[in-house]
């Protein structure tokens, strides 16, 4: 086994009821930038970034796809670490007690090789990072994962509904804030 390397937290995945509503909130509330939308076999959702870390906002399609949390779970689903060597780092994490749950642990180009930590919290390791993330910001040789800024037309109505809901909520806030201050 090779020497211990430092994993870099570059991905946090939330499991939510409505990924588009949640994405609109984080874009408006914290200025995150939209990266892409997803309609995959496990989940659908929206990916955002702050320029360094990728935030995946997901709605899992089945309990099995949710990897033990259940498809209706709401909260932080997993965190992701960008590592130098997925195969070796996987051996290290499993050697310290992590349980492998999905993804090919023998693929050196592995993406989201998922494990459970000692408390049963899901984490994954990846060789190439996530859209909109950076491996080592400010360092020579930093790797920036591209931001495709891609939207899927099939989600246009959901995106518009989420935006309208957020705007309606924002319109209420000034009067509620003033009443609370009195």
N, C-alpha and C. Protein backbone atom coordinates (compact mmCIF):
# COMPACT_ATOMS: atom_id res chain seq x y z
N UNK A 1 0.84 -1.19 0.00
CA UNK A 1 0.00 0.00 0.00
C UNK A 1 0.88 1.24 0.00
N UNK A 2 0.45 2.26 -0.71
CA UNK A 2 1.24 3.50 -0.79
C UNK A 2 1.01 4.34 0.46
N UNK A 3 1.79 5.38 0.58
CA UNK A 3 1.68 6.28 1.73
C UNK A 3 0.35 7.01 1.72
N UNK A 4 -0.06 7.40 2.88
CA UNK A 4 -1.31 8.15 3.05
C UNK A 4 -1.27 9.42 2.21
N UNK A 5 -2.37 9.72 1.53
CA UNK A 5 -2.48 10.97 0.79
C UNK A 5 -3.64 11.76 1.36
N UNK A 6 -3.69 13.02 1.02
CA UNK A 6 -4.74 13.89 1.55
C UNK A 6 -5.91 13.92 0.58
N UNK A 7 -7.08 13.54 1.06
CA UNK A 7 -8.31 13.71 0.29
C UNK A 7 -8.79 15.14 0.43
N UNK A 8 -9.35 15.68 -0.63
CA UNK A 8 -9.83 17.07 -0.61
C UNK A 8 -11.34 17.06 -0.73
N UNK A 9 -12.03 17.64 0.26
CA UNK A 9 -13.50 17.70 0.20
C UNK A 9 -13.86 18.64 -0.95
N UNK A 10 -14.49 18.08 -1.98
CA UNK A 10 -14.83 18.87 -3.16
C UNK A 10 -16.26 18.63 -3.63
N UNK A 11 -17.05 17.89 -2.82
CA UNK A 11 -18.39 17.53 -3.26
C UNK A 11 -19.25 17.24 -2.03
N UNK A 12 -20.42 17.84 -2.00
CA UNK A 12 -21.43 17.55 -0.98
C UNK A 12 -22.73 17.29 -1.72
N UNK A 13 -23.40 16.19 -1.38
CA UNK A 13 -24.66 15.86 -2.04
C UNK A 13 -25.79 15.93 -1.03
N UNK A 14 -26.81 16.70 -1.40
CA UNK A 14 -28.02 16.80 -0.59
C UNK A 14 -29.11 15.96 -1.22
N UNK A 15 -29.91 15.32 -0.40
CA UNK A 15 -31.10 14.61 -0.86
C UNK A 15 -32.29 15.47 -0.46
N UNK A 16 -33.08 15.89 -1.44
CA UNK A 16 -34.18 16.83 -1.19
C UNK A 16 -35.43 16.39 -1.94
N UNK A 17 -36.55 17.00 -1.60
CA UNK A 17 -37.80 16.70 -2.29
C UNK A 17 -37.85 17.36 -3.67
N UNK A 18 -37.40 18.62 -3.77
CA UNK A 18 -37.45 19.36 -5.03
C UNK A 18 -36.08 19.99 -5.31
N UNK A 19 -35.26 19.33 -6.13
CA UNK A 19 -33.92 19.86 -6.41
C UNK A 19 -33.93 21.26 -7.01
N UNK A 20 -34.91 21.60 -7.82
CA UNK A 20 -34.91 22.90 -8.48
C UNK A 20 -35.24 24.01 -7.50
N UNK A 21 -36.18 23.77 -6.61
CA UNK A 21 -36.49 24.77 -5.59
C UNK A 21 -35.28 24.99 -4.68
N UNK A 22 -34.65 23.92 -4.27
CA UNK A 22 -33.48 24.02 -3.40
C UNK A 22 -32.34 24.73 -4.13
N UNK A 23 -32.13 24.42 -5.40
CA UNK A 23 -31.07 25.08 -6.17
C UNK A 23 -31.32 26.58 -6.28
N UNK A 24 -32.56 26.97 -6.56
CA UNK A 24 -32.88 28.40 -6.66
C UNK A 24 -32.59 29.10 -5.34
N UNK A 25 -32.90 28.42 -4.22
CA UNK A 25 -32.60 29.00 -2.91
C UNK A 25 -31.10 29.27 -2.76
N UNK A 26 -30.27 28.25 -3.01
CA UNK A 26 -28.82 28.41 -2.83
C UNK A 26 -28.22 29.40 -3.82
N UNK A 27 -28.76 29.48 -5.01
CA UNK A 27 -28.26 30.47 -5.98
C UNK A 27 -28.56 31.88 -5.49
N UNK A 28 -29.78 32.11 -5.01
CA UNK A 28 -30.15 33.44 -4.54
C UNK A 28 -29.57 33.78 -3.17
N UNK A 29 -29.63 32.82 -2.25
CA UNK A 29 -29.21 33.08 -0.87
C UNK A 29 -27.70 33.18 -0.72
N UNK A 30 -26.94 32.37 -1.49
CA UNK A 30 -25.50 32.32 -1.29
C UNK A 30 -24.68 32.56 -2.55
N UNK A 31 -25.35 32.87 -3.66
CA UNK A 31 -24.64 33.21 -4.88
C UNK A 31 -23.96 32.05 -5.58
N UNK A 32 -24.38 30.82 -5.31
CA UNK A 32 -23.77 29.70 -5.99
C UNK A 32 -24.13 29.72 -7.47
N UNK A 33 -23.28 29.13 -8.28
CA UNK A 33 -23.47 29.12 -9.74
C UNK A 33 -23.96 27.74 -10.17
N UNK A 34 -24.93 27.74 -11.08
CA UNK A 34 -25.43 26.48 -11.60
C UNK A 34 -24.40 25.87 -12.55
N UNK A 35 -24.19 24.56 -12.39
CA UNK A 35 -23.23 23.84 -13.22
C UNK A 35 -23.95 23.03 -14.29
N UNK A 36 -24.84 22.16 -13.86
CA UNK A 36 -25.54 21.30 -14.80
C UNK A 36 -26.75 20.67 -14.12
N UNK A 37 -27.58 20.06 -14.94
CA UNK A 37 -28.70 19.29 -14.43
C UNK A 37 -28.46 17.82 -14.75
N UNK A 38 -29.10 16.95 -14.00
CA UNK A 38 -28.89 15.52 -14.13
C UNK A 38 -30.22 14.79 -14.19
N UNK A 39 -30.32 13.84 -15.09
CA UNK A 39 -31.40 12.87 -15.07
C UNK A 39 -30.76 11.52 -15.32
N UNK A 40 -30.25 10.92 -14.26
CA UNK A 40 -29.52 9.66 -14.37
C UNK A 40 -30.34 8.49 -13.86
N UNK A 41 -29.77 7.31 -13.90
CA UNK A 41 -30.50 6.13 -13.45
C UNK A 41 -30.79 6.12 -11.95
N UNK A 42 -29.96 6.81 -11.16
CA UNK A 42 -30.15 6.82 -9.71
C UNK A 42 -30.95 8.01 -9.20
N UNK A 43 -30.76 9.17 -9.84
CA UNK A 43 -31.35 10.40 -9.32
C UNK A 43 -31.49 11.43 -10.42
N UNK A 44 -32.28 12.46 -10.10
CA UNK A 44 -32.33 13.66 -10.94
C UNK A 44 -31.97 14.82 -10.04
N UNK A 45 -31.46 15.90 -10.66
CA UNK A 45 -31.10 17.01 -9.81
C UNK A 45 -30.33 18.09 -10.50
N UNK A 46 -29.79 18.97 -9.68
CA UNK A 46 -29.07 20.16 -10.12
C UNK A 46 -27.73 20.20 -9.39
N UNK A 47 -26.68 20.56 -10.11
CA UNK A 47 -25.36 20.71 -9.51
C UNK A 47 -25.01 22.19 -9.50
N UNK A 48 -24.51 22.66 -8.36
CA UNK A 48 -24.08 24.04 -8.18
C UNK A 48 -22.62 24.03 -7.75
N UNK A 49 -21.97 25.20 -7.82
CA UNK A 49 -20.60 25.32 -7.33
C UNK A 49 -20.37 26.71 -6.75
N UNK A 50 -19.42 26.77 -5.84
CA UNK A 50 -18.92 28.07 -5.36
C UNK A 50 -17.61 28.40 -6.04
N UNK A 51 -17.21 27.57 -7.00
CA UNK A 51 -15.95 27.74 -7.72
C UNK A 51 -14.88 26.77 -7.25
N UNK A 52 -15.09 26.14 -6.10
CA UNK A 52 -14.14 25.16 -5.57
C UNK A 52 -14.84 23.84 -5.27
N UNK A 53 -15.98 23.90 -4.61
CA UNK A 53 -16.71 22.71 -4.18
C UNK A 53 -17.99 22.58 -5.00
N UNK A 54 -18.32 21.34 -5.35
CA UNK A 54 -19.53 21.02 -6.09
C UNK A 54 -20.62 20.64 -5.08
N UNK A 55 -21.81 21.21 -5.24
CA UNK A 55 -22.98 20.88 -4.41
C UNK A 55 -24.00 20.20 -5.30
N UNK A 56 -24.23 18.91 -5.07
CA UNK A 56 -25.22 18.16 -5.83
C UNK A 56 -26.53 18.18 -5.04
N UNK A 57 -27.60 18.59 -5.70
CA UNK A 57 -28.92 18.65 -5.06
C UNK A 57 -29.78 17.62 -5.78
N UNK A 58 -30.07 16.52 -5.10
CA UNK A 58 -30.62 15.34 -5.76
C UNK A 58 -31.95 14.89 -5.19
N UNK A 59 -32.73 14.29 -6.05
CA UNK A 59 -33.94 13.55 -5.67
C UNK A 59 -33.71 12.13 -6.18
N UNK A 60 -33.50 11.19 -5.26
CA UNK A 60 -33.25 9.81 -5.66
C UNK A 60 -34.53 9.17 -6.16
N UNK A 61 -34.37 8.28 -7.14
CA UNK A 61 -35.53 7.69 -7.82
C UNK A 61 -36.09 6.46 -7.10
N UNK A 62 -35.24 5.74 -6.39
CA UNK A 62 -35.69 4.54 -5.67
C UNK A 62 -34.95 4.45 -4.34
N UNK A 63 -35.47 3.62 -3.45
CA UNK A 63 -34.77 3.39 -2.19
C UNK A 63 -33.40 2.78 -2.42
N UNK A 64 -33.30 1.86 -3.36
CA UNK A 64 -32.02 1.23 -3.66
C UNK A 64 -31.02 2.26 -4.19
N UNK A 65 -31.48 3.14 -5.06
CA UNK A 65 -30.61 4.18 -5.61
C UNK A 65 -30.08 5.11 -4.52
N UNK A 66 -30.86 5.28 -3.45
CA UNK A 66 -30.47 6.18 -2.36
C UNK A 66 -29.41 5.57 -1.44
N UNK A 67 -28.99 4.35 -1.73
CA UNK A 67 -27.86 3.72 -1.05
C UNK A 67 -28.03 3.63 0.47
N UNK A 68 -29.24 3.29 0.90
CA UNK A 68 -29.47 3.05 2.31
C UNK A 68 -30.19 4.15 3.06
N UNK A 69 -30.31 5.33 2.47
CA UNK A 69 -31.00 6.42 3.18
C UNK A 69 -32.49 6.44 2.89
N UNK A 70 -32.92 5.82 1.80
CA UNK A 70 -34.32 5.87 1.39
C UNK A 70 -34.53 7.03 0.45
N UNK A 71 -35.38 6.84 -0.57
CA UNK A 71 -35.56 7.87 -1.59
C UNK A 71 -36.23 9.14 -1.06
N UNK A 72 -36.93 9.07 0.06
CA UNK A 72 -37.60 10.23 0.62
C UNK A 72 -36.79 10.95 1.70
N UNK A 73 -35.60 10.47 1.96
CA UNK A 73 -34.72 11.11 2.94
C UNK A 73 -34.40 12.54 2.50
N UNK A 74 -34.40 13.46 3.46
CA UNK A 74 -34.02 14.84 3.20
C UNK A 74 -32.86 15.19 4.14
N UNK A 75 -31.75 15.61 3.55
CA UNK A 75 -30.58 15.99 4.35
C UNK A 75 -29.31 15.79 3.55
N UNK A 76 -28.18 15.86 4.24
CA UNK A 76 -26.91 15.61 3.57
C UNK A 76 -26.83 14.12 3.28
N UNK A 77 -26.68 13.77 2.02
CA UNK A 77 -26.65 12.37 1.62
C UNK A 77 -25.23 11.81 1.68
N UNK A 78 -24.27 12.52 1.11
CA UNK A 78 -22.88 12.07 1.17
C UNK A 78 -21.93 13.23 0.87
N UNK A 79 -20.67 13.00 1.20
CA UNK A 79 -19.62 13.96 0.86
C UNK A 79 -18.62 13.25 -0.04
N UNK A 80 -17.95 14.02 -0.88
CA UNK A 80 -17.01 13.44 -1.82
C UNK A 80 -15.62 14.02 -1.67
N UNK A 81 -14.63 13.15 -1.81
CA UNK A 81 -13.24 13.53 -1.70
C UNK A 81 -12.52 13.28 -3.02
N UNK A 82 -11.83 14.30 -3.52
CA UNK A 82 -10.99 14.18 -4.70
C UNK A 82 -9.64 13.67 -4.22
N UNK A 83 -9.26 12.49 -4.69
CA UNK A 83 -8.02 11.86 -4.23
C UNK A 83 -7.06 11.67 -5.40
N UNK A 84 -5.80 11.44 -5.07
CA UNK A 84 -4.78 11.25 -6.10
C UNK A 84 -4.86 9.87 -6.74
N UNK A 85 -5.21 8.85 -5.96
CA UNK A 85 -5.22 7.48 -6.46
C UNK A 85 -6.41 6.75 -5.84
N UNK A 86 -7.46 6.55 -6.62
CA UNK A 86 -8.70 5.95 -6.11
C UNK A 86 -8.47 4.53 -5.60
N UNK A 87 -7.71 3.74 -6.33
CA UNK A 87 -7.48 2.34 -5.93
C UNK A 87 -6.74 2.28 -4.60
N UNK A 88 -5.61 2.98 -4.49
CA UNK A 88 -4.83 2.96 -3.25
C UNK A 88 -5.58 3.60 -2.09
N UNK A 89 -6.23 4.75 -2.35
CA UNK A 89 -6.97 5.41 -1.27
C UNK A 89 -8.12 4.53 -0.80
N UNK A 90 -8.76 3.81 -1.74
CA UNK A 90 -9.82 2.88 -1.37
C UNK A 90 -9.30 1.79 -0.45
N UNK A 91 -8.14 1.27 -0.74
CA UNK A 91 -7.54 0.25 0.13
C UNK A 91 -7.29 0.82 1.52
N UNK A 92 -6.82 2.06 1.57
CA UNK A 92 -6.55 2.70 2.86
C UNK A 92 -7.85 2.88 3.64
N UNK A 93 -8.89 3.42 3.01
CA UNK A 93 -10.13 3.66 3.76
C UNK A 93 -10.78 2.35 4.20
N UNK A 94 -10.73 1.33 3.35
CA UNK A 94 -11.30 0.04 3.76
C UNK A 94 -10.45 -0.61 4.85
N UNK A 95 -9.14 -0.37 4.80
CA UNK A 95 -8.23 -0.89 5.81
C UNK A 95 -8.41 -0.25 7.17
N UNK A 96 -9.01 0.94 7.19
CA UNK A 96 -9.27 1.62 8.47
C UNK A 96 -10.71 1.43 8.93
N UNK A 97 -11.47 0.57 8.23
CA UNK A 97 -12.80 0.20 8.71
C UNK A 97 -13.96 0.65 7.87
N UNK A 98 -13.72 1.39 6.79
CA UNK A 98 -14.84 1.80 5.93
C UNK A 98 -15.39 0.59 5.18
N UNK A 99 -16.67 0.64 4.88
CA UNK A 99 -17.33 -0.44 4.13
C UNK A 99 -17.65 0.05 2.72
N UNK A 100 -17.16 -0.64 1.70
CA UNK A 100 -17.43 -0.31 0.30
C UNK A 100 -18.90 -0.63 0.00
N UNK A 101 -19.61 0.30 -0.69
CA UNK A 101 -21.01 0.04 -1.05
C UNK A 101 -21.32 0.12 -2.54
N UNK A 102 -20.56 0.89 -3.32
CA UNK A 102 -20.81 0.91 -4.76
C UNK A 102 -19.70 1.61 -5.51
N UNK A 103 -19.65 1.38 -6.83
CA UNK A 103 -18.59 1.92 -7.67
C UNK A 103 -17.47 0.90 -7.75
N UNK A 104 -16.68 0.97 -8.81
CA UNK A 104 -15.62 0.00 -9.02
C UNK A 104 -14.37 0.40 -8.24
N UNK A 105 -14.05 -0.31 -7.15
CA UNK A 105 -12.90 0.07 -6.33
C UNK A 105 -11.55 -0.23 -6.99
N UNK A 106 -11.56 -0.94 -8.12
CA UNK A 106 -10.32 -1.29 -8.80
C UNK A 106 -10.07 -0.46 -10.05
N UNK A 107 -10.91 0.54 -10.29
CA UNK A 107 -10.76 1.39 -11.47
C UNK A 107 -9.94 2.62 -11.09
N UNK A 108 -8.74 2.77 -11.64
CA UNK A 108 -7.91 3.93 -11.28
C UNK A 108 -8.53 5.27 -11.70
N UNK A 109 -9.47 5.24 -12.62
CA UNK A 109 -10.19 6.46 -13.02
C UNK A 109 -11.54 6.53 -12.31
N UNK A 110 -11.66 5.83 -11.22
CA UNK A 110 -12.94 5.69 -10.50
C UNK A 110 -13.60 7.01 -10.18
N UNK A 111 -14.92 7.00 -10.32
CA UNK A 111 -15.72 8.18 -10.02
C UNK A 111 -16.78 7.79 -9.01
N UNK A 112 -16.81 8.47 -7.91
CA UNK A 112 -17.76 8.23 -6.84
C UNK A 112 -17.78 6.76 -6.41
N UNK A 113 -16.63 6.29 -5.98
CA UNK A 113 -16.55 4.98 -5.36
C UNK A 113 -17.00 5.19 -3.91
N UNK A 114 -18.20 4.69 -3.61
CA UNK A 114 -18.85 5.02 -2.34
C UNK A 114 -18.54 4.00 -1.24
N UNK A 115 -18.43 4.55 -0.03
CA UNK A 115 -18.16 3.77 1.18
C UNK A 115 -19.03 4.30 2.32
N UNK A 116 -19.14 3.51 3.37
CA UNK A 116 -19.73 3.95 4.63
C UNK A 116 -18.59 4.14 5.62
N UNK A 117 -18.61 5.26 6.35
CA UNK A 117 -17.58 5.46 7.37
C UNK A 117 -17.97 4.67 8.63
N UNK A 118 -17.25 4.85 9.70
CA UNK A 118 -17.49 4.08 10.92
C UNK A 118 -18.84 4.37 11.56
N UNK A 119 -19.44 5.52 11.23
CA UNK A 119 -20.76 5.89 11.76
C UNK A 119 -21.88 5.60 10.77
N UNK A 120 -21.55 5.00 9.64
CA UNK A 120 -22.55 4.70 8.63
C UNK A 120 -22.85 5.86 7.69
N UNK A 121 -22.02 6.91 7.70
CA UNK A 121 -22.20 8.06 6.82
C UNK A 121 -21.54 7.75 5.47
N UNK A 122 -22.26 8.05 4.40
CA UNK A 122 -21.77 7.76 3.06
C UNK A 122 -20.74 8.82 2.64
N UNK A 123 -19.63 8.34 2.09
CA UNK A 123 -18.66 9.24 1.46
C UNK A 123 -18.16 8.55 0.20
N UNK A 124 -17.68 9.35 -0.72
CA UNK A 124 -17.11 8.75 -1.92
C UNK A 124 -15.76 9.37 -2.22
N UNK A 125 -15.01 8.62 -3.04
CA UNK A 125 -13.71 9.10 -3.50
C UNK A 125 -13.74 9.09 -5.02
N UNK A 126 -13.06 10.06 -5.61
CA UNK A 126 -13.05 10.19 -7.06
C UNK A 126 -11.67 10.64 -7.53
N UNK A 127 -11.32 10.21 -8.73
CA UNK A 127 -10.03 10.53 -9.30
C UNK A 127 -10.02 11.86 -10.05
N UNK A 128 -11.18 12.32 -10.48
CA UNK A 128 -11.20 13.48 -11.37
C UNK A 128 -12.08 14.62 -10.90
N UNK A 129 -12.57 14.59 -9.71
CA UNK A 129 -13.36 15.70 -9.20
C UNK A 129 -14.76 15.76 -9.79
N UNK A 130 -15.44 16.86 -9.52
CA UNK A 130 -16.83 17.06 -9.92
C UNK A 130 -16.93 18.37 -10.68
N UNK A 131 -17.94 18.48 -11.51
CA UNK A 131 -18.13 19.68 -12.32
C UNK A 131 -18.12 20.92 -11.44
N UNK A 132 -17.32 21.90 -11.84
CA UNK A 132 -17.24 23.16 -11.11
C UNK A 132 -16.31 23.14 -9.91
N UNK A 133 -15.60 22.02 -9.68
CA UNK A 133 -14.71 21.95 -8.52
C UNK A 133 -13.25 22.14 -8.94
N UNK A 134 -12.43 22.46 -7.95
CA UNK A 134 -10.98 22.61 -8.17
C UNK A 134 -10.26 21.71 -7.17
N UNK A 135 -9.18 21.10 -7.62
CA UNK A 135 -8.45 20.18 -6.74
C UNK A 135 -7.67 20.93 -5.67
N UNK A 136 -6.82 21.88 -6.07
CA UNK A 136 -5.97 22.60 -5.12
C UNK A 136 -5.92 24.07 -5.50
N UNK A 137 -6.98 24.83 -5.19
CA UNK A 137 -7.03 26.24 -5.59
C UNK A 137 -5.80 27.02 -5.12
N UNK A 138 -5.28 27.84 -6.02
CA UNK A 138 -4.14 28.69 -5.70
C UNK A 138 -2.79 28.01 -5.72
N UNK A 139 -2.77 26.71 -5.95
CA UNK A 139 -1.52 25.97 -5.96
C UNK A 139 -1.04 25.75 -7.40
N UNK A 140 0.27 25.69 -7.61
CA UNK A 140 0.77 25.36 -8.96
C UNK A 140 0.22 23.98 -9.37
N UNK A 141 -0.18 23.85 -10.59
CA UNK A 141 -0.70 22.58 -11.07
C UNK A 141 -2.13 22.29 -10.66
N UNK A 142 -2.83 23.30 -10.14
CA UNK A 142 -4.24 23.12 -9.76
C UNK A 142 -5.03 22.55 -10.94
N UNK A 143 -5.94 21.65 -10.66
CA UNK A 143 -6.80 21.08 -11.69
C UNK A 143 -8.21 21.63 -11.48
N UNK A 144 -8.76 22.20 -12.52
CA UNK A 144 -10.13 22.74 -12.47
C UNK A 144 -11.01 21.85 -13.31
N UNK A 145 -12.03 21.28 -12.67
CA UNK A 145 -12.98 20.44 -13.44
C UNK A 145 -13.91 21.38 -14.19
N UNK A 146 -14.14 21.14 -15.47
CA UNK A 146 -14.96 22.05 -16.27
C UNK A 146 -16.38 22.22 -15.73
N UNK A 147 -16.94 23.38 -16.01
CA UNK A 147 -18.33 23.69 -15.67
C UNK A 147 -19.10 23.76 -16.98
N UNK A 148 -19.86 22.71 -17.32
CA UNK A 148 -20.53 22.69 -18.62
C UNK A 148 -21.73 23.64 -18.73
N UNK A 149 -22.23 24.12 -17.60
CA UNK A 149 -23.41 25.00 -17.59
C UNK A 149 -24.48 24.48 -18.55
N UNK A 150 -24.90 23.25 -18.31
CA UNK A 150 -25.86 22.57 -19.18
C UNK A 150 -27.19 22.42 -18.46
N UNK A 151 -28.25 22.76 -19.18
CA UNK A 151 -29.61 22.56 -18.67
C UNK A 151 -30.34 21.58 -19.57
N UNK A 152 -31.24 20.81 -18.97
CA UNK A 152 -32.04 19.84 -19.72
C UNK A 152 -33.42 20.42 -19.96
N UNK A 153 -33.83 20.46 -21.22
CA UNK A 153 -35.12 21.05 -21.58
C UNK A 153 -36.29 20.39 -20.86
N UNK A 154 -36.17 19.10 -20.57
CA UNK A 154 -37.27 18.39 -19.91
C UNK A 154 -37.59 18.97 -18.53
N UNK A 155 -36.67 19.75 -17.95
CA UNK A 155 -36.88 20.33 -16.63
C UNK A 155 -37.27 21.81 -16.68
N UNK A 156 -37.54 22.36 -17.85
CA UNK A 156 -37.87 23.78 -17.97
C UNK A 156 -39.04 24.19 -17.08
N UNK A 157 -40.12 23.41 -17.09
CA UNK A 157 -41.31 23.76 -16.29
C UNK A 157 -41.00 23.69 -14.80
N UNK A 158 -40.29 22.68 -14.38
CA UNK A 158 -39.95 22.54 -12.95
C UNK A 158 -39.05 23.69 -12.50
N UNK A 159 -38.10 24.06 -13.35
CA UNK A 159 -37.19 25.16 -13.04
C UNK A 159 -37.97 26.46 -12.91
N UNK A 160 -38.89 26.72 -13.85
CA UNK A 160 -39.69 27.95 -13.83
C UNK A 160 -40.60 27.98 -12.59
N UNK A 161 -41.20 26.85 -12.25
CA UNK A 161 -42.06 26.79 -11.07
C UNK A 161 -41.27 27.06 -9.80
N UNK A 162 -40.06 26.51 -9.72
CA UNK A 162 -39.21 26.73 -8.56
C UNK A 162 -38.83 28.20 -8.44
N UNK A 163 -38.48 28.83 -9.56
CA UNK A 163 -38.12 30.25 -9.56
C UNK A 163 -39.31 31.09 -9.11
N UNK A 164 -40.50 30.80 -9.62
CA UNK A 164 -41.71 31.55 -9.25
C UNK A 164 -42.01 31.40 -7.75
N UNK A 165 -41.87 30.21 -7.24
CA UNK A 165 -42.11 29.95 -5.82
C UNK A 165 -41.13 30.74 -4.95
N UNK A 166 -39.85 30.77 -5.36
CA UNK A 166 -38.86 31.52 -4.61
C UNK A 166 -39.14 33.02 -4.66
N UNK A 167 -39.50 33.53 -5.83
CA UNK A 167 -39.82 34.96 -5.95
C UNK A 167 -41.02 35.33 -5.08
N UNK A 168 -42.02 34.47 -5.03
CA UNK A 168 -43.20 34.72 -4.18
C UNK A 168 -42.79 34.74 -2.71
N UNK A 169 -41.92 33.84 -2.32
CA UNK A 169 -41.44 33.78 -0.94
C UNK A 169 -40.64 35.05 -0.62
N UNK A 170 -39.80 35.49 -1.55
CA UNK A 170 -39.01 36.69 -1.33
C UNK A 170 -39.88 37.93 -1.20
N UNK A 171 -40.98 37.96 -1.94
CA UNK A 171 -41.89 39.11 -1.88
C UNK A 171 -42.54 39.24 -0.51
N UNK A 172 -42.73 38.12 0.18
CA UNK A 172 -43.33 38.12 1.53
C UNK A 172 -42.34 38.54 2.60
N UNK A 173 -41.08 38.29 2.39
CA UNK A 173 -40.06 38.47 3.43
C UNK A 173 -39.99 39.89 3.98
N UNK A 174 -39.99 40.96 3.16
CA UNK A 174 -39.87 42.31 3.75
C UNK A 174 -40.96 42.61 4.78
N UNK A 175 -42.22 42.28 4.49
CA UNK A 175 -43.28 42.58 5.45
C UNK A 175 -43.16 41.71 6.70
N UNK A 176 -42.75 40.46 6.55
CA UNK A 176 -42.58 39.59 7.71
C UNK A 176 -41.39 40.04 8.56
N UNK A 177 -40.33 40.48 7.90
CA UNK A 177 -39.14 40.94 8.63
C UNK A 177 -39.46 42.22 9.40
N UNK A 178 -40.20 43.13 8.79
CA UNK A 178 -40.57 44.38 9.46
C UNK A 178 -41.46 44.11 10.67
N UNK A 179 -42.41 43.20 10.52
CA UNK A 179 -43.31 42.86 11.62
C UNK A 179 -42.55 42.19 12.76
N UNK A 180 -41.58 41.37 12.45
CA UNK A 180 -40.78 40.69 13.48
C UNK A 180 -39.89 41.68 14.24
N UNK A 181 -39.45 42.74 13.55
CA UNK A 181 -38.57 43.72 14.16
C UNK A 181 -39.31 44.63 15.15
N UNK A 182 -40.62 44.74 14.99
CA UNK A 182 -41.39 45.65 15.85
C UNK A 182 -41.67 45.09 17.21
